[in-house]
Amino acid sequence: QVQLVESGGGLVQAGGSLRLSCAASGLTYSTYAMGWFRQAPGKERESVAASSWSGDSTYYADSVKGRFTISRDLVKNTLYLQMNSLEPEDTAVYYCAAKLGMPSLHKAPYQYWGQGTQVTVSS
């Protein structure tokens, strides 16, 4: 059974930092591309970042470029999202997701999803 479990969310002031983690189990982690997505209240789920299985290729939504960094630890089967210079507009539930093949910033191809972790940025 595939499980993706996010952690690391919380309340932070604008300009602060958080690091999210996503622990994966039940899949051959090194064969899956991984992504981070987020959903704010009343809005559609949107992409944040994506990584190839090796971590060598990464992609970012324009809104987070230069502020967020996606990375993965193939030994620990864990995906990370380092978020710096946080803004109130970054407030959302953050989800990690896994898909076979190439990484994508589109949510439709992702086969497995975590339950999400809340990030709240106060102004």
PDB file of N, CA and C in Angstrom:
ATOM      1  N   GLN A   1       0.847  -1.191   0.000  1.00  0.00           N
ATOM      2  CA  GLN A   1       0.000   0.000   0.000  1.00  0.00           C
ATOM      3  C   GLN A   1       0.885   1.243   0.000  1.00  0.00           C
ATOM      4  N   VAL A   2       0.648   2.100  -0.970  1.00  0.00           N
ATOM      5  CA  VAL A   2       1.450   3.320  -1.077  1.00  0.00           C
ATOM      6  C   VAL A   2       0.966   4.344  -0.060  1.00  0.00           C
ATOM      7  N   GLN A   3       1.928   4.929   0.639  1.00  0.00           N
ATOM      8  CA  GLN A   3       1.606   6.003   1.582  1.00  0.00           C
ATOM      9  C   GLN A   3       2.569   7.155   1.391  1.00  0.00           C
ATOM     10  N   LEU A   4       2.008   8.346   1.332  1.00  0.00           N
ATOM     11  CA  LEU A   4       2.797   9.574   1.325  1.00  0.00           C
ATOM     12  C   LEU A   4       2.323  10.390   2.517  1.00  0.00           C
ATOM     13  N   VAL A   5       3.244  10.712   3.414  1.00  0.00           N
ATOM     14  CA  VAL A   5       2.870  11.407   4.641  1.00  0.00           C
ATOM     15  C   VAL A   5       3.671  12.701   4.750  1.00  0.00           C
ATOM     16  N   GLU A   6       2.949  13.812   4.667  1.00  0.00           N
ATOM     17  CA  GLU A   6       3.590  15.121   4.781  1.00  0.00           C
ATOM     18  C   GLU A   6       3.700  15.552   6.234  1.00  0.00           C
ATOM     19  N   SER A   7       4.689  16.375   6.495  1.00  0.00           N
ATOM     20  CA  SER A   7       4.860  16.973   7.816  1.00  0.00           C
ATOM     21  C   SER A   7       5.644  18.266   7.674  1.00  0.00           C
ATOM     22  N   GLY A   8       5.681  19.049   8.741  1.00  0.00           N
ATOM     23  CA  GLY A   8       6.488  20.256   8.746  1.00  0.00           C
ATOM     24  C   GLY A   8       5.718  21.549   8.563  1.00  0.00           C
ATOM     25  N   GLY A   9       4.419  21.449   8.331  1.00  0.00           N
ATOM     26  CA  GLY A   9       3.632  22.661   8.196  1.00  0.00           C
ATOM     27  C   GLY A   9       3.482  23.378   9.523  1.00  0.00           C
ATOM     28  N   GLY A  10       2.935  24.585   9.460  1.00  0.00           N
ATOM     29  CA  GLY A  10       2.733  25.346  10.673  1.00  0.00           C
ATOM     30  C   GLY A  10       2.437  26.797  10.381  1.00  0.00           C
ATOM     31  N   LEU A  11       2.505  27.608  11.421  1.00  0.00           N
ATOM     32  CA  LEU A  11       2.258  29.040  11.325  1.00  0.00           C
ATOM     33  C   LEU A  11       3.595  29.772  11.366  1.00  0.00           C
ATOM     34  N   VAL A  12       3.792  30.671  10.418  1.00  0.00           N
ATOM     35  CA  VAL A  12       5.039  31.418  10.333  1.00  0.00           C
ATOM     36  C   VAL A  12       4.734  32.844   9.906  1.00  0.00           C
ATOM     37  N   GLN A  13       5.574  33.774  10.313  1.00  0.00           N
ATOM     38  CA  GLN A  13       5.387  35.154   9.899  1.00  0.00           C
ATOM     39  C   GLN A  13       5.916  35.363   8.486  1.00  0.00           C
ATOM     40  N   ALA A  14       5.384  36.347   7.820  1.00  0.00           N
ATOM     41  CA  ALA A  14       5.872  36.692   6.491  1.00  0.00           C
ATOM     42  C   ALA A  14       7.378  36.952   6.542  1.00  0.00           C
ATOM     43  N   GLY A  15       8.080  36.437   5.541  1.00  0.00           N
ATOM     44  CA  GLY A  15       9.524  36.534   5.498  1.00  0.00           C
ATOM     45  C   GLY A  15      10.236  35.356   6.133  1.00  0.00           C
ATOM     46  N   GLY A  16       9.503  34.520   6.815  1.00  0.00           N
ATOM     47  CA  GLY A  16      10.081  33.369   7.497  1.00  0.00           C
ATOM     48  C   GLY A  16      10.249  32.175   6.581  1.00  0.00           C
ATOM     49  N   SER A  17      10.678  31.071   7.181  1.00  0.00           N
ATOM     50  CA  SER A  17      10.965  29.849   6.429  1.00  0.00           C
ATOM     51  C   SER A  17      10.324  28.637   7.091  1.00  0.00           C
ATOM     52  N   LEU A  18      10.044  27.641   6.279  1.00  0.00           N
ATOM     53  CA  LEU A  18       9.586  26.336   6.745  1.00  0.00           C
ATOM     54  C   LEU A  18      10.177  25.284   5.817  1.00  0.00           C
ATOM     55  N   ARG A  19      10.358  24.077   6.351  1.00  0.00           N
ATOM     56  CA  ARG A  19      10.739  22.954   5.503  1.00  0.00           C
ATOM     57  C   ARG A  19       9.706  21.846   5.667  1.00  0.00           C
ATOM     58  N   LEU A  20       9.088  21.508   4.553  1.00  0.00           N
ATOM     59  CA  LEU A  20       8.132  20.413   4.537  1.00  0.00           C
ATOM     60  C   LEU A  20       8.839  19.117   4.170  1.00  0.00           C
ATOM     61  N   SER A  21       8.326  18.022   4.719  1.00  0.00           N
ATOM     62  CA  SER A  21       8.835  16.696   4.404  1.00  0.00           C
ATOM     63  C   SER A  21       7.690  15.819   3.932  1.00  0.00           C
ATOM     64  N   CYS A  22       8.016  14.850   3.101  1.00  0.00           N
ATOM     65  CA  CYS A  22       7.038  13.879   2.628  1.00  0.00           C
ATOM     66  C   CYS A  22       7.705  12.506   2.639  1.00  0.00           C
ATOM     67  N   ALA A  23       7.294  11.674   3.575  1.00  0.00           N
ATOM     68  CA  ALA A  23       7.854  10.334   3.696  1.00  0.00           C
ATOM     69  C   ALA A  23       7.047   9.368   2.846  1.00  0.00           C
ATOM     70  N   ALA A  24       7.724   8.645   1.975  1.00  0.00           N
ATOM     71  CA  ALA A  24       7.061   7.715   1.056  1.00  0.00           C
ATOM     72  C   ALA A  24       7.322   6.274   1.469  1.00  0.00           C
ATOM     73  N   SER A  25       6.298   5.452   1.332  1.00  0.00           N
ATOM     74  CA  SER A  25       6.441   4.023   1.589  1.00  0.00           C
ATOM     75  C   SER A  25       5.510   3.257   0.667  1.00  0.00           C
ATOM     76  N   GLY A  26       5.839   1.967   0.450  1.00  0.00           N
ATOM     77  CA  GLY A  26       4.987   1.129  -0.371  1.00  0.00           C
ATOM     78  C   GLY A  26       5.208   1.273  -1.855  1.00  0.00           C
ATOM     79  N   LEU A  27       6.232   2.015  -2.256  1.00  0.00           N
ATOM     80  CA  LEU A  27       6.550   2.142  -3.667  1.00  0.00           C
ATOM     81  C   LEU A  27       8.065   2.136  -3.831  1.00  0.00           C
ATOM     82  N   THR A  28       8.492   1.843  -5.046  1.00  0.00           N
ATOM     83  CA  THR A  28       9.924   1.891  -5.347  1.00  0.00           C
ATOM     84  C   THR A  28      10.260   3.358  -5.586  1.00  0.00           C
ATOM     85  N   TYR A  29      10.639   4.020  -4.517  1.00  0.00           N
ATOM     86  CA  TYR A  29      10.746   5.485  -4.492  1.00  0.00           C
ATOM     87  C   TYR A  29      11.620   6.018  -5.612  1.00  0.00           C
ATOM     88  N   SER A  30      12.687   5.304  -5.926  1.00  0.00           N
ATOM     89  CA  SER A  30      13.640   5.837  -6.898  1.00  0.00           C
ATOM     90  C   SER A  30      13.117   5.771  -8.320  1.00  0.00           C
ATOM     91  N   THR A  31      11.941   5.184  -8.549  1.00  0.00           N
ATOM     92  CA  THR A  31      11.400   5.139  -9.905  1.00  0.00           C
ATOM     93  C   THR A  31      10.281   6.152 -10.113  1.00  0.00           C
ATOM     94  N   TYR A  32       9.965   6.911  -9.069  1.00  0.00           N
ATOM     95  CA  TYR A  32       8.858   7.854  -9.149  1.00  0.00           C
ATOM     96  C   TYR A  32       9.339   9.297  -9.175  1.00  0.00           C
ATOM     97  N   ALA A  33       8.779  10.069 -10.075  1.00  0.00           N
ATOM     98  CA  ALA A  33       8.913  11.514  -9.997  1.00  0.00           C
ATOM     99  C   ALA A  33       7.991  11.992  -8.877  1.00  0.00           C
ATOM    100  N   MET A  34       8.375  13.101  -8.244  1.00  0.00           N
ATOM    101  CA  MET A  34       7.606  13.608  -7.114  1.00  0.00           C
ATOM    102  C   MET A  34       7.279  15.075  -7.315  1.00  0.00           C
ATOM    103  N   GLY A  35       6.189  15.489  -6.721  1.00  0.00           N
ATOM    104  CA  GLY A  35       5.808  16.878  -6.839  1.00  0.00           C
ATOM    105  C   GLY A  35       5.180  17.412  -5.566  1.00  0.00           C
ATOM    106  N   TRP A  36       5.224  18.723  -5.430  1.00  0.00           N
ATOM    107  CA  TRP A  36       4.510  19.430  -4.366  1.00  0.00           C
ATOM    108  C   TRP A  36       3.423  20.286  -5.011  1.00  0.00           C
ATOM    109  N   PHE A  37       2.266  20.251  -4.400  1.00  0.00           N
ATOM    110  CA  PHE A  37       1.134  21.054  -4.844  1.00  0.00           C
ATOM    111  C   PHE A  37       0.545  21.741  -3.620  1.00  0.00           C
ATOM    112  N   ARG A  38      -0.284  22.738  -3.861  1.00  0.00           N
ATOM    113  CA  ARG A  38      -0.930  23.411  -2.735  1.00  0.00           C
ATOM    114  C   ARG A  38      -2.337  23.847  -3.123  1.00  0.00           C
ATOM    115  N   GLN A  39      -3.169  23.976  -2.108  1.00  0.00           N
ATOM    116  CA  GLN A  39      -4.548  24.394  -2.334  1.00  0.00           C
ATOM    117  C   GLN A  39      -4.962  25.346  -1.228  1.00  0.00           C
ATOM    118  N   ALA A  40      -5.290  26.563  -1.636  1.00  0.00           N
ATOM    119  CA  ALA A  40      -5.782  27.571  -0.711  1.00  0.00           C
ATOM    120  C   ALA A  40      -7.305  27.486  -0.656  1.00  0.00           C
ATOM    121  N   PRO A  41      -7.913  27.978   0.416  1.00  0.00           N
ATOM    122  CA  PRO A  41      -9.372  27.914   0.536  1.00  0.00           C
ATOM    123  C   PRO A  41     -10.060  28.583  -0.663  1.00  0.00           C
ATOM    124  N   GLY A  42     -10.997  27.880  -1.251  1.00  0.00           N
ATOM    125  CA  GLY A  42     -11.759  28.421  -2.357  1.00  0.00           C
ATOM    126  C   GLY A  42     -11.032  28.440  -3.682  1.00  0.00           C
ATOM    127  N   LYS A  43      -9.851  27.874  -3.718  1.00  0.00           N
ATOM    128  CA  LYS A  43      -9.072  27.868  -4.962  1.00  0.00           C
ATOM    129  C   LYS A  43      -8.762  26.442  -5.395  1.00  0.00           C
ATOM    130  N   GLU A  44      -8.406  26.310  -6.663  1.00  0.00           N
ATOM    131  CA  GLU A  44      -8.026  25.002  -7.168  1.00  0.00           C
ATOM    132  C   GLU A  44      -6.620  24.637  -6.686  1.00  0.00           C
ATOM    133  N   ARG A  45      -6.363  23.330  -6.666  1.00  0.00           N
ATOM    134  CA  ARG A  45      -5.034  22.864  -6.324  1.00  0.00           C
ATOM    135  C   ARG A  45      -4.069  23.276  -7.435  1.00  0.00           C
ATOM    136  N   GLU A  46      -2.932  23.831  -7.050  1.00  0.00           N
ATOM    137  CA  GLU A  46      -1.976  24.308  -8.029  1.00  0.00           C
ATOM    138  C   GLU A  46      -0.602  23.713  -7.770  1.00  0.00           C
ATOM    139  N   SER A  47       0.191  23.709  -8.814  1.00  0.00           N
ATOM    140  CA  SER A  47       1.524  23.145  -8.686  1.00  0.00           C
ATOM    141  C   SER A  47       2.458  24.107  -7.969  1.00  0.00           C
ATOM    142  N   VAL A  48       3.436  23.525  -7.303  1.00  0.00           N
ATOM    143  CA  VAL A  48       4.465  24.298  -6.637  1.00  0.00           C
ATOM    144  C   VAL A  48       5.836  23.939  -7.204  1.00  0.00           C
ATOM    145  N   ALA A  49       6.153  22.645  -7.191  1.00  0.00           N
ATOM    146  CA  ALA A  49       7.460  22.192  -7.659  1.00  0.00           C
ATOM    147  C   ALA A  49       7.399  20.711  -7.991  1.00  0.00           C
ATOM    148  N   ALA A  50       8.339  20.272  -8.820  1.00  0.00           N
ATOM    149  CA  ALA A  50       8.408  18.862  -9.183  1.00  0.00           C
ATOM    150  C   ALA A  50       9.861  18.455  -9.342  1.00  0.00           C
ATOM    151  N   SER A  51      10.111  17.168  -9.117  1.00  0.00           N
ATOM    152  CA  SER A  51      11.481  16.649  -9.182  1.00  0.00           C
ATOM    153  C   SER A  51      11.487  15.314  -9.903  1.00  0.00           C
ATOM    154  N   SER A  52      12.521  15.103 -10.715  1.00  0.00           N
ATOM    155  CA  SER A  52      12.714  13.792 -11.323  1.00  0.00           C
ATOM    156  C   SER A  52      13.060  12.780 -10.237  1.00  0.00           C
ATOM    157  N   TRP A  53      13.084  11.494 -10.621  1.00  0.00           N
ATOM    158  CA  TRP A  53      13.338  10.470  -9.610  1.00  0.00           C
ATOM    159  C   TRP A  53      14.700  10.653  -8.959  1.00  0.00           C
ATOM    160  N   SER A  54      15.667  11.171  -9.707  1.00  0.00           N
ATOM    161  CA  SER A  54      17.020  11.317  -9.179  1.00  0.00           C
ATOM    162  C   SER A  54      17.212  12.620  -8.420  1.00  0.00           C
ATOM    163  N   GLY A  55      16.306  13.571  -8.673  1.00  0.00           N
ATOM    164  CA  GLY A  55      16.487  14.889  -8.085  1.00  0.00           C
ATOM    165  C   GLY A  55      17.326  15.813  -8.947  1.00  0.00           C
ATOM    166  N   ASP A  56      17.819  15.284 -10.078  1.00  0.00           N
ATOM    167  CA  ASP A  56      18.684  16.095 -10.937  1.00  0.00           C
ATOM    168  C   ASP A  56      17.912  17.154 -11.723  1.00  0.00           C
ATOM    169  N   SER A  57      16.666  16.858 -12.004  1.00  0.00           N
ATOM    170  CA  SER A  57      15.827  17.808 -12.752  1.00  0.00           C
ATOM    171  C   SER A  57      14.713  18.298 -11.845  1.00  0.00           C
ATOM    172  N   THR A  58      14.616  19.603 -11.715  1.00  0.00           N
ATOM    173  CA  THR A  58      13.570  20.189 -10.874  1.00  0.00           C
ATOM    174  C   THR A  58      12.857  21.291 -11.638  1.00  0.00           C
ATOM    175  N   TYR A  59      11.617  21.512 -11.269  1.00  0.00           N
ATOM    176  CA  TYR A  59      10.767  22.484 -11.942  1.00  0.00           C
ATOM    177  C   TYR A  59       9.967  23.229 -10.882  1.00  0.00           C
ATOM    178  N   TYR A  60       9.712  24.501 -11.162  1.00  0.00           N
ATOM    179  CA  TYR A  60       9.018  25.329 -10.181  1.00  0.00           C
ATOM    180  C   TYR A  60       7.944  26.176 -10.839  1.00  0.00           C
ATOM    181  N   ALA A  61       6.873  26.405 -10.109  1.00  0.00           N
ATOM    182  CA  ALA A  61       5.888  27.389 -10.526  1.00  0.00           C
ATOM    183  C   ALA A  61       6.530  28.772 -10.438  1.00  0.00           C
ATOM    184  N   ASP A  62       6.116  29.654 -11.320  1.00  0.00           N
ATOM    185  CA  ASP A  62       6.718  30.996 -11.343  1.00  0.00           C
ATOM    186  C   ASP A  62       6.576  31.707  -9.997  1.00  0.00           C
ATOM    187  N   SER A  63       5.492  31.443  -9.314  1.00  0.00           N
ATOM    188  CA  SER A  63       5.208  32.154  -8.064  1.00  0.00           C
ATOM    189  C   SER A  63       6.180  31.802  -6.941  1.00  0.00           C
ATOM    190  N   VAL A  64       6.909  30.688  -7.074  1.00  0.00           N
ATOM    191  CA  VAL A  64       7.804  30.285  -5.983  1.00  0.00           C
ATOM    192  C   VAL A  64       9.265  30.231  -6.414  1.00  0.00           C
ATOM    193  N   LYS A  65       9.548  30.478  -7.663  1.00  0.00           N
ATOM    194  CA  LYS A  65      10.932  30.423  -8.136  1.00  0.00           C
ATOM    195  C   LYS A  65      11.813  31.371  -7.344  1.00  0.00           C
ATOM    196  N   GLY A  66      12.973  30.869  -6.951  1.00  0.00           N
ATOM    197  CA  GLY A  66      13.910  31.678  -6.194  1.00  0.00           C
ATOM    198  C   GLY A  66      13.634  31.698  -4.704  1.00  0.00           C
ATOM    199  N   ARG A  67      12.478  31.179  -4.280  1.00  0.00           N
ATOM    200  CA  ARG A  67      12.140  31.161  -2.859  1.00  0.00           C
ATOM    201  C   ARG A  67      12.035  29.730  -2.315  1.00  0.00           C
ATOM    202  N   PHE A  68      11.544  28.808  -3.124  1.00  0.00           N
ATOM    203  CA  PHE A  68      11.342  27.419  -2.698  1.00  0.00           C
ATOM    204  C   PHE A  68      12.353  26.516  -3.382  1.00  0.00           C
ATOM    205  N   THR A  69      12.731  25.445  -2.684  1.00  0.00           N
ATOM    206  CA  THR A  69      13.634  24.451  -3.251  1.00  0.00           C
ATOM    207  C   THR A  69      13.107  23.055  -2.951  1.00  0.00           C
ATOM    208  N   ILE A  70      12.939  22.265  -4.008  1.00  0.00           N
ATOM    209  CA  ILE A  70      12.525  20.873  -3.848  1.00  0.00           C
ATOM    210  C   ILE A  70      13.768  19.990  -3.864  1.00  0.00           C
ATOM    211  N   SER A  71      13.767  18.984  -3.007  1.00  0.00           N
ATOM    212  CA  SER A  71      14.887  18.045  -2.985  1.00  0.00           C
ATOM    213  C   SER A  71      14.376  16.703  -2.482  1.00  0.00           C
ATOM    214  N   ARG A  72      15.167  15.676  -2.692  1.00  0.00           N
ATOM    215  CA  ARG A  72      14.743  14.363  -2.234  1.00  0.00           C
ATOM    216  C   ARG A  72      15.930  13.561  -1.748  1.00  0.00           C
ATOM    217  N   ASP A  73      15.668  12.719  -0.770  1.00  0.00           N
ATOM    218  CA  ASP A  73      16.670  11.831  -0.192  1.00  0.00           C
ATOM    219  C   ASP A  73      16.274  10.410  -0.570  1.00  0.00           C
ATOM    220  N   LEU A  74      17.061   9.800  -1.470  1.00  0.00           N
ATOM    221  CA  LEU A  74      16.718   8.471  -1.966  1.00  0.00           C
ATOM    222  C   LEU A  74      16.965   7.380  -0.937  1.00  0.00           C
ATOM    223  N   VAL A  75      17.784   7.663   0.056  1.00  0.00           N
ATOM    224  CA  VAL A  75      18.042   6.680   1.111  1.00  0.00           C
ATOM    225  C   VAL A  75      16.885   6.676   2.103  1.00  0.00           C
ATOM    226  N   LYS A  76      16.430   7.862   2.467  1.00  0.00           N
ATOM    227  CA  LYS A  76      15.348   7.988   3.439  1.00  0.00           C
ATOM    228  C   LYS A  76      13.964   7.941   2.793  1.00  0.00           C
ATOM    229  N   ASN A  77      13.902   7.843   1.470  1.00  0.00           N
ATOM    230  CA  ASN A  77      12.603   7.856   0.764  1.00  0.00           C
ATOM    231  C   ASN A  77      11.773   9.066   1.157  1.00  0.00           C
ATOM    232  N   THR A  78      12.413  10.205   1.192  1.00  0.00           N
ATOM    233  CA  THR A  78      11.751  11.415   1.663  1.00  0.00           C
ATOM    234  C   THR A  78      11.950  12.555   0.673  1.00  0.00           C
ATOM    235  N   LEU A  79      10.889  13.286   0.463  1.00  0.00           N
ATOM    236  CA  LEU A  79      10.873  14.477  -0.375  1.00  0.00           C
ATOM    237  C   LEU A  79      10.794  15.697   0.531  1.00  0.00           C
ATOM    238  N   TYR A  80      11.473  16.759   0.142  1.00  0.00           N
ATOM    239  CA  TYR A  80      11.487  17.978   0.948  1.00  0.00           C
ATOM    240  C   TYR A  80      11.060  19.176   0.105  1.00  0.00           C
ATOM    241  N   LEU A  81      10.563  20.181   0.794  1.00  0.00           N
ATOM    242  CA  LEU A  81      10.311  21.480   0.177  1.00  0.00           C
ATOM    243  C   LEU A  81      10.784  22.541   1.157  1.00  0.00           C
ATOM    244  N   GLN A  82      11.902  23.163   0.833  1.00  0.00           N
ATOM    245  CA  GLN A  82      12.406  24.266   1.638  1.00  0.00           C
ATOM    246  C   GLN A  82      11.746  25.544   1.145  1.00  0.00           C
ATOM    247  N   MET A  83      11.057  26.222   2.036  1.00  0.00           N
ATOM    248  CA  MET A  83      10.315  27.421   1.663  1.00  0.00           C
ATOM    249  C   MET A  83      10.891  28.609   2.421  1.00  0.00           C
ATOM    250  N   ASN A  84      11.442  29.544   1.678  1.00  0.00           N
ATOM    251  CA  ASN A  84      12.023  30.755   2.264  1.00  0.00           C
ATOM    252  C   ASN A  84      11.233  31.984   1.812  1.00  0.00           C
ATOM    253  N   SER A  85      11.453  33.090   2.497  1.00  0.00           N
ATOM    254  CA  SER A  85      10.787  34.351   2.148  1.00  0.00           C
ATOM    255  C   SER A  85       9.292  34.150   1.960  1.00  0.00           C
ATOM    256  N   LEU A  86       8.685  33.481   2.902  1.00  0.00           N
ATOM    257  CA  LEU A  86       7.258  33.150   2.780  1.00  0.00           C
ATOM    258  C   LEU A  86       6.400  34.399   2.790  1.00  0.00           C
ATOM    259  N   GLU A  87       5.325  34.339   2.024  1.00  0.00           N
ATOM    260  CA  GLU A  87       4.379  35.437   1.871  1.00  0.00           C
ATOM    261  C   GLU A  87       2.991  34.953   2.288  1.00  0.00           C
ATOM    262  N   PRO A  88       2.130  35.866   2.724  1.00  0.00           N
ATOM    263  CA  PRO A  88       0.760  35.445   3.076  1.00  0.00           C
ATOM    264  C   PRO A  88       0.075  34.682   1.947  1.00  0.00           C
ATOM    265  N   GLU A  89       0.414  35.005   0.701  1.00  0.00           N
ATOM    266  CA  GLU A  89      -0.185  34.314  -0.447  1.00  0.00           C
ATOM    267  C   GLU A  89       0.237  32.843  -0.536  1.00  0.00           C
ATOM    268  N   ASP A  90       1.242  32.446   0.228  1.00  0.00           N
ATOM    269  CA  ASP A  90       1.676  31.045   0.245  1.00  0.00           C
ATOM    270  C   ASP A  90       0.824  30.193   1.194  1.00  0.00           C
ATOM    271  N   THR A  91      -0.087  30.821   1.913  1.00  0.00           N
ATOM    272  CA  THR A  91      -0.951  30.082   2.828  1.00  0.00           C
ATOM    273  C   THR A  91      -1.821  29.094   2.070  1.00  0.00           C
ATOM    274  N   ALA A  92      -1.737  27.819   2.448  1.00  0.00           N
ATOM    275  CA  ALA A  92      -2.465  26.756   1.750  1.00  0.00           C
ATOM    276  C   ALA A  92      -2.188  25.435   2.451  1.00  0.00           C
ATOM    277  N   VAL A  93      -2.942  24.425   2.036  1.00  0.00           N
ATOM    278  CA  VAL A  93      -2.589  23.047   2.388  1.00  0.00           C
ATOM    279  C   VAL A  93      -1.634  22.549   1.309  1.00  0.00           C
ATOM    280  N   TYR A  94      -0.509  22.027   1.734  1.00  0.00           N
ATOM    281  CA  TYR A  94       0.510  21.542   0.812  1.00  0.00           C
ATOM    282  C   TYR A  94       0.464  20.023   0.742  1.00  0.00           C
ATOM    283  N   TYR A  95       0.476  19.522  -0.489  1.00  0.00           N
ATOM    284  CA  TYR A  95       0.397  18.084  -0.740  1.00  0.00           C
ATOM    285  C   TYR A  95       1.625  17.617  -1.521  1.00  0.00           C
ATOM    286  N   CYS A  96       2.100  16.427  -1.193  1.00  0.00           N
ATOM    287  CA  CYS A  96       3.085  15.812  -2.062  1.00  0.00           C
ATOM    288  C   CYS A  96       2.392  14.726  -2.882  1.00  0.00           C
ATOM    289  N   ALA A  97       2.984  14.421  -4.020  1.00  0.00           N
ATOM    290  CA  ALA A  97       2.388  13.454  -4.934  1.00  0.00           C
ATOM    291  C   ALA A  97       3.474  12.708  -5.688  1.00  0.00           C
ATOM    292  N   ALA A  98       3.143  11.525  -6.170  1.00  0.00           N
ATOM    293  CA  ALA A  98       4.105  10.677  -6.871  1.00  0.00           C
ATOM    294  C   ALA A  98       3.529  10.189  -8.179  1.00  0.00           C
ATOM    295  N   LYS A  99       4.392  10.079  -9.192  1.00  0.00           N
ATOM    296  CA  LYS A  99       3.987   9.554 -10.497  1.00  0.00           C
ATOM    297  C   LYS A  99       5.158   8.814 -11.119  1.00  0.00           C
ATOM    298  N   LEU A 100       4.833   7.826 -11.915  1.00  0.00           N
ATOM    299  CA  LEU A 100       5.862   7.153 -12.687  1.00  0.00           C
ATOM    300  C   LEU A 100       6.272   8.051 -13.841  1.00  0.00           C
ATOM    301  N   GLY A 101       7.497   7.881 -14.289  1.00  0.00           N
ATOM    302  CA  GLY A 101       7.938   8.609 -15.463  1.00  0.00           C
ATOM    303  C   GLY A 101       8.484   9.980 -15.144  1.00  0.00           C
ATOM    304  N   MET A 102       8.313  10.879 -16.081  1.00  0.00           N
ATOM    305  CA  MET A 102       8.903  12.213 -15.987  1.00  0.00           C
ATOM    306  C   MET A 102       8.131  13.084 -14.997  1.00  0.00           C
ATOM    307  N   PRO A 103       8.808  14.036 -14.379  1.00  0.00           N
ATOM    308  CA  PRO A 103       8.106  14.950 -13.474  1.00  0.00           C
ATOM    309  C   PRO A 103       7.193  15.880 -14.269  1.00  0.00           C
ATOM    310  N   SER A 104       6.218  16.418 -13.588  1.00  0.00           N
ATOM    311  CA  SER A 104       5.266  17.304 -14.233  1.00  0.00           C
ATOM    312  C   SER A 104       4.752  18.322 -13.237  1.00  0.00           C
ATOM    313  N   LEU A 105       4.447  19.506 -13.734  1.00  0.00           N
ATOM    314  CA  LEU A 105       3.794  20.520 -12.904  1.00  0.00           C
ATOM    315  C   LEU A 105       2.268  20.452 -13.055  1.00  0.00           C
ATOM    316  N   HIS A 106       1.791  19.476 -13.800  1.00  0.00           N
ATOM    317  CA  HIS A 106       0.360  19.262 -13.921  1.00  0.00           C
ATOM    318  C   HIS A 106      -0.063  18.199 -12.924  1.00  0.00           C
ATOM    319  N   LYS A 107      -1.172  18.421 -12.234  1.00  0.00           N
ATOM    320  CA  LYS A 107      -1.575  17.502 -11.175  1.00  0.00           C
ATOM    321  C   LYS A 107      -2.214  16.225 -11.700  1.00  0.00           C
ATOM    322  N   ALA A 108      -2.785  16.254 -12.905  1.00  0.00           N
ATOM    323  CA  ALA A 108      -3.559  15.113 -13.394  1.00  0.00           C
ATOM    324  C   ALA A 108      -2.752  13.815 -13.485  1.00  0.00           C
ATOM    325  N   PRO A 109      -1.470  13.856 -13.918  1.00  0.00           N
ATOM    326  CA  PRO A 109      -0.745  12.585 -14.075  1.00  0.00           C
ATOM    327  C   PRO A 109      -0.324  11.909 -12.777  1.00  0.00           C
ATOM    328  N   TYR A 110      -0.443  12.592 -11.661  1.00  0.00           N
ATOM    329  CA  TYR A 110       0.053  12.024 -10.415  1.00  0.00           C
ATOM    330  C   TYR A 110      -0.904  10.958  -9.895  1.00  0.00           C
ATOM    331  N   GLN A 111      -0.311   9.814  -9.532  1.00  0.00           N
ATOM    332  CA  GLN A 111      -1.118   8.660  -9.144  1.00  0.00           C
ATOM    333  C   GLN A 111      -1.374   8.599  -7.642  1.00  0.00           C
ATOM    334  N   TYR A 112      -0.442   9.063  -6.856  1.00  0.00           N
ATOM    335  CA  TYR A 112      -0.564   8.939  -5.409  1.00  0.00           C
ATOM    336  C   TYR A 112      -0.410  10.308  -4.758  1.00  0.00           C
ATOM    337  N   TRP A 113      -1.211  10.512  -3.711  1.00  0.00           N
ATOM    338  CA  TRP A 113      -1.240  11.793  -3.015  1.00  0.00           C
ATOM    339  C   TRP A 113      -1.176  11.580  -1.508  1.00  0.00           C
ATOM    340  N   GLY A 114      -0.537  12.535  -0.830  1.00  0.00           N
ATOM    341  CA  GLY A 114      -0.574  12.545   0.618  1.00  0.00           C
ATOM    342  C   GLY A 114      -1.825  13.249   1.119  1.00  0.00           C
ATOM    343  N   GLN A 115      -1.929  13.339   2.431  1.00  0.00           N
ATOM    344  CA  GLN A 115      -3.131  13.924   3.037  1.00  0.00           C
ATOM    345  C   GLN A 115      -3.015  15.425   3.214  1.00  0.00           C
ATOM    346  N   GLY A 116      -1.804  15.960   3.060  1.00  0.00           N
ATOM    347  CA  GLY A 116      -1.609  17.398   3.129  1.00  0.00           C
ATOM    348  C   GLY A 116      -1.152  17.896   4.489  1.00  0.00           C
ATOM    349  N   THR A 117      -0.482  19.032   4.477  1.00  0.00           N
ATOM    350  CA  THR A 117      -0.062  19.701   5.706  1.00  0.00           C
ATOM    351  C   THR A 117      -0.320  21.198   5.547  1.00  0.00           C
ATOM    352  N   GLN A 118      -0.867  21.809   6.583  1.00  0.00           N
ATOM    353  CA  GLN A 118      -1.280  23.207   6.515  1.00  0.00           C
ATOM    354  C   GLN A 118      -0.093  24.141   6.734  1.00  0.00           C
ATOM    355  N   VAL A 119       0.024  25.108   5.850  1.00  0.00           N
ATOM    356  CA  VAL A 119       1.007  26.184   6.015  1.00  0.00           C
ATOM    357  C   VAL A 119       0.236  27.492   6.085  1.00  0.00           C
ATOM    358  N   THR A 120       0.467  28.241   7.138  1.00  0.00           N
ATOM    359  CA  THR A 120      -0.190  29.530   7.298  1.00  0.00           C
ATOM    360  C   THR A 120       0.877  30.600   7.511  1.00  0.00           C
ATOM    361  N   VAL A 121       0.828  31.627   6.665  1.00  0.00           N
ATOM    362  CA  VAL A 121       1.799  32.718   6.739  1.00  0.00           C
ATOM    363  C   VAL A 121       1.058  33.976   7.162  1.00  0.00           C
ATOM    364  N   SER A 122       1.435  34.520   8.279  1.00  0.00           N
ATOM    365  CA  SER A 122       0.773  35.734   8.779  1.00  0.00           C
ATOM    366  C   SER A 122       1.534  36.972   8.319  1.00  0.00           C
ATOM    367  N   SER A 123       0.780  38.042   8.119  1.00  0.00           N
ATOM    368  CA  SER A 123       1.389  39.294   7.636  1.00  0.00           C
ATOM    369  C   SER A 123       1.839  40.163   8.789  1.00  0.00           C
TER     370      SER A 123
END
